[in-house]
Amino acid sequence: MELRIKERGPEHPHTLNAMYRLALVLFDEGRYAEAEPLARSTFETRRRVLGPEHPDTLYSMNLLGDILAREGRYPEAEALLRSEVDLARRTFGPGDRDTEAMTYDLACATLGNSHEPDHRERAIALLREAVEHGVTGTDTASIEQDPALKELRGNPKFQALVAEAHRLLAAPQQGK
């Protein structure tokens, strides 16, 4: 990484992509404390250099929000991801797969933000939006099994949402 920064500079797109990919690997390995400063730096640099609505900035913002949520910093994660979803709706449009995947991540952070009295209802509403716009794909099983959504298992509204996700997933196959 240091060689890339030295060769191309800290704001070069290739440097920023390498930083983002490294932060993503660290995140995937559960090394959140190591991933966070790298993700934060990448996000802040991309926001400054590319602008807040650039897709690469939004992906960096999403990664940082996901890291914060995994660290249990739900209010901070929820605020960041809520801002990101608003920007994504303007950039990609509502119903876009990336926008709705980001909405799913926001739902998970919202659910974790249990100091808020209506956190379950807000999380289910966000999940419903994501599912209605196709986030289900092959992810239906993961929605049911996602550890971040464990608190919702047994909730009738969540169960109805999972059933809807299964129905939407099966619908294209019925027409074949």
Foldseek 3Di string as FASTA:
>chain_A
DVVCCVVPNCLDPVNLVVLQVVLVVCVVVVVLVVSQVSLVSSLVSCCVPVNCLPPSNLVSLLSNLLSCVSVLVLVVSLVSLVVSLVSCCVRVNQLDLVSLVSLLSNLLSLCSVVVDPCSPVSSLVSLLSSLVSPNLAVCLVVLVVVPSCVVCVVPVSSVVSSVSSVVVNCVVVVVD
